[in-house]
C-alpha atoms as a PDB file:
ATOM      1  CA  UNK A   1     113.962 132.137  60.569  1.00  0.00           C
ATOM      2  CA  UNK A   2     117.319 132.086  62.188  1.00  0.00           C
ATOM      3  CA  UNK A   3     118.678 128.925  63.774  1.00  0.00           C
ATOM      4  CA  UNK A   4     119.403 129.092  67.512  1.00  0.00           C
ATOM      5  CA  UNK A   5     117.627 129.963  70.717  1.00  0.00           C
ATOM      6  CA  UNK A   6     116.069 133.301  71.537  1.00  0.00           C
ATOM      7  CA  UNK A   7     116.434 135.135  74.810  1.00  0.00           C
ATOM      8  CA  UNK A   8     112.740 134.612  75.610  1.00  0.00           C
ATOM      9  CA  UNK A   9     113.104 130.840  75.209  1.00  0.00           C
ATOM     10  CA  UNK A  10     116.072 130.814  77.555  1.00  0.00           C
ATOM     11  CA  UNK A  11     114.186 132.846  80.186  1.00  0.00           C
ATOM     12  CA  UNK A  12     111.162 130.529  79.990  1.00  0.00           C
ATOM     13  CA  UNK A  13     113.419 127.486  80.354  1.00  0.00           C
ATOM     14  CA  UNK A  14     115.122 129.057  83.404  1.00  0.00           C
ATOM     15  CA  UNK A  15     111.771 129.830  85.058  1.00  0.00           C
ATOM     16  CA  UNK A  16     110.576 126.255  84.511  1.00  0.00           C
ATOM     17  CA  UNK A  17     113.857 124.918  85.891  1.00  0.00           C
ATOM     18  CA  UNK A  18     113.506 127.147  88.981  1.00  0.00           C
ATOM     19  CA  UNK A  19     109.967 125.916  89.621  1.00  0.00           C
ATOM     20  CA  UNK A  20     111.153 122.308  89.379  1.00  0.00           C
ATOM     21  CA  UNK A  21     114.002 122.968  91.842  1.00  0.00           C
ATOM     22  CA  UNK A  22     111.629 124.634  94.332  1.00  0.00           C
ATOM     23  CA  UNK A  23     109.293 121.638  94.163  1.00  0.00           C
ATOM     24  CA  UNK A  24     112.227 119.280  94.700  1.00  0.00           C
ATOM     25  CA  UNK A  25     113.472 121.226  97.731  1.00  0.00           C
ATOM     26  CA  UNK A  26     109.976 121.272  99.264  1.00  0.00           C
ATOM     27  CA  UNK A  27     109.730 117.501  98.816  1.00  0.00           C
ATOM     28  CA  UNK A  28     113.116 117.071 100.487  1.00  0.00           C
ATOM     29  CA  UNK A  29     112.029 119.139 103.486  1.00  0.00           C
ATOM     30  CA  UNK A  30     108.851 117.071 103.927  1.00  0.00           C
ATOM     31  CA  UNK A  31     110.811 113.827 103.624  1.00  0.00           C
ATOM     32  CA  UNK A  32     113.341 114.973 106.253  1.00  0.00           C
ATOM     33  CA  UNK A  33     110.542 115.977 108.655  1.00  0.00           C
ATOM     34  CA  UNK A  34     108.752 112.641 108.187  1.00  0.00           C
ATOM     35  CA  UNK A  35     112.000 110.734 108.733  1.00  0.00           C
ATOM     36  CA  UNK A  36     112.618 112.613 111.999  1.00  0.00           C
ATOM     37  CA  UNK A  37     109.064 111.835 113.159  1.00  0.00           C
ATOM     38  CA  UNK A  38     109.472 108.140 112.317  1.00  0.00           C
ATOM     39  CA  UNK A  39     112.758 108.031 114.220  1.00  0.00           C
ATOM     40  CA  UNK A  40     111.111 109.622 117.269  1.00  0.00           C
ATOM     41  CA  UNK A  41     108.218 107.155 117.136  1.00  0.00           C
ATOM     42  CA  UNK A  42     110.646 104.238 116.930  1.00  0.00           C
ATOM     43  CA  UNK A  43     112.590 105.520 119.954  1.00  0.00           C
ATOM     44  CA  UNK A  44     109.339 105.932 121.897  1.00  0.00           C
ATOM     45  CA  UNK A  45     108.164 102.422 121.017  1.00  0.00           C
ATOM     46  CA  UNK A  46     111.517 100.899 122.038  1.00  0.00           C
ATOM     47  CA  UNK A  47     111.431 102.811 125.333  1.00  0.00           C
ATOM     48  CA  UNK A  48     107.904 101.571 126.099  1.00  0.00           C
ATOM     49  CA  UNK A  49     108.723  97.973 125.173  1.00  0.00           C
ATOM     50  CA  UNK A  50     111.835  97.988 127.396  1.00  0.00           C
ATOM     51  CA  UNK A  51     109.819  99.364 130.331  1.00  0.00           C
ATOM     52  CA  UNK A  52     107.115  96.708 129.923  1.00  0.00           C
ATOM     53  CA  UNK A  53     109.788  94.003 129.742  1.00  0.00           C
ATOM     54  CA  UNK A  54     111.356  95.305 132.996  1.00  0.00           C
ATOM     55  CA  UNK A  55     107.982  95.471 134.780  1.00  0.00           C
ATOM     56  CA  UNK A  56     106.735  92.044 133.661  1.00  0.00           C
ATOM     57  CA  UNK A  57     108.774  89.902 136.154  1.00  0.00           C
ATOM     58  CA  UNK A  58     107.609  91.901 139.200  1.00  0.00           C
ATOM     59  CA  UNK A  59     104.055  92.583 138.059  1.00  0.00           C
ATOM     60  CA  UNK A  60     102.503  90.019 140.414  1.00  0.00           C
ATOM     61  CA  UNK A  61     103.928  91.850 143.448  1.00  0.00           C
ATOM     62  CA  UNK A  62     101.130  94.408 143.234  1.00  0.00           C
ATOM     63  CA  UNK A  63     100.045  97.700 141.701  1.00  0.00           C
ATOM     64  CA  UNK A  64     102.689 100.317 140.969  1.00  0.00           C
ATOM     65  CA  UNK A  65     103.173 103.355 138.780  1.00  0.00           C
ATOM     66  CA  UNK A  66     105.762 105.911 137.818  1.00  0.00           C
ATOM     67  CA  UNK A  67     106.945 108.667 135.523  1.00  0.00           C
ATOM     68  CA  UNK A  68     110.194 109.502 133.777  1.00  0.00           C
ATOM     69  CA  UNK A  69     111.374 112.046 131.231  1.00  0.00           C
ATOM     70  CA  UNK A  70     114.381 111.429 129.006  1.00  0.00           C
ATOM     71  CA  UNK A  71     115.565 112.882 125.705  1.00  0.00           C
ATOM     72  CA  UNK A  72     112.350 114.795 125.058  1.00  0.00           C
ATOM     73  CA  UNK A  73     110.148 111.769 125.782  1.00  0.00           C
ATOM     74  CA  UNK A  74     107.757 111.678 128.755  1.00  0.00           C
ATOM     75  CA  UNK A  75     106.875 108.212 129.977  1.00  0.00           C
ATOM     76  CA  UNK A  76     104.007 107.223 132.282  1.00  0.00           C
ATOM     77  CA  UNK A  77     103.743 103.584 133.369  1.00  0.00           C
ATOM     78  CA  UNK A  78     101.528 101.554 135.665  1.00  0.00           C
ATOM     79  CA  UNK A  79     100.754  98.014 136.800  1.00  0.00           C
ATOM     80  CA  UNK A  80      97.123  97.500 137.766  1.00  0.00           C
ATOM     81  CA  UNK A  81      95.328  94.514 139.291  1.00  0.00           C
ATOM     82  CA  UNK A  82      92.272  92.841 137.885  1.00  0.00           C
ATOM     83  CA  UNK A  83      91.802  89.616 139.824  1.00  0.00           C
ATOM     84  CA  UNK A  84      94.717  87.331 139.022  1.00  0.00           C
ATOM     85  CA  UNK A  85      95.653  89.354 135.977  1.00  0.00           C
ATOM     86  CA  UNK A  86      98.021  92.331 136.061  1.00  0.00           C
ATOM     87  CA  UNK A  87      97.786  94.921 133.314  1.00  0.00           C
ATOM     88  CA  UNK A  88     101.061  96.652 132.516  1.00  0.00           C
ATOM     89  CA  UNK A  89     100.568  99.928 130.654  1.00  0.00           C
ATOM     90  CA  UNK A  90     103.263 102.269 129.387  1.00  0.00           C
ATOM     91  CA  UNK A  91     102.414 105.546 127.672  1.00  0.00           C
ATOM     92  CA  UNK A  92     105.107 107.649 126.007  1.00  0.00           C
ATOM     93  CA  UNK A  93     104.508 111.240 124.885  1.00  0.00           C
ATOM     94  CA  UNK A  94     106.731 112.625 122.170  1.00  0.00           C
ATOM     95  CA  UNK A  95     106.897 116.051 120.618  1.00  0.00           C
ATOM     96  CA  UNK A  96     106.873 116.261 116.873  1.00  0.00           C
ATOM     97  CA  UNK A  97     106.955 119.256 114.548  1.00  0.00           C
ATOM     98  CA  UNK A  98     103.170 118.916 114.148  1.00  0.00           C
ATOM     99  CA  UNK A  99     102.432 118.630 117.883  1.00  0.00           C
ATOM    100  CA  UNK A 100     102.450 116.055 120.658  1.00  0.00           C
ATOM    101  CA  UNK A 101     101.740 112.366 120.080  1.00  0.00           C
ATOM    102  CA  UNK A 102     101.190 109.523 122.535  1.00  0.00           C
ATOM    103  CA  UNK A 103     102.145 105.916 122.073  1.00  0.00           C
ATOM    104  CA  UNK A 104     100.760 103.210 124.403  1.00  0.00           C
ATOM    105  CA  UNK A 105     102.067  99.666 124.977  1.00  0.00           C
ATOM    106  CA  UNK A 106     100.063  97.195 127.090  1.00  0.00           C
ATOM    107  CA  UNK A 107     100.836  93.713 128.385  1.00  0.00           C
ATOM    108  CA  UNK A 108      98.911  91.284 130.545  1.00  0.00           C
ATOM    109  CA  UNK A 109     100.475  88.955 133.136  1.00  0.00           C
ATOM    110  CA  UNK A 110      98.613  86.063 134.748  1.00  0.00           C
ATOM    111  CA  UNK A 111      99.532  85.604 138.435  1.00  0.00           C
ATOM    112  CA  UNK A 112      99.019  82.103 139.807  1.00  0.00           C
ATOM    113  CA  UNK A 113      98.842  83.022 143.499  1.00  0.00           C
END
């Protein structure tokens, strides 16, 4: 036998290397997509929490509702009465690569009068 590497061995090693690189690039694409989705969910949650915080001081004034759309997020909010308790609800719809998702934040306010 001769020392060294044959052409067949080199071709097999190159094919295996190519398969590994394709798997790595596919993993990178999935990770980037999941990171974008997590960022969108975080933005939606922050938007809903800010809206609930703005509605909380005036919740005892009575029922109200509204809608807004910003930066690809659609937000629906409402304040509903249930006796002396007001339920503040904010729903945010966000579009992801896999479809539309909704995130809901609720808060309850007790009104003394």
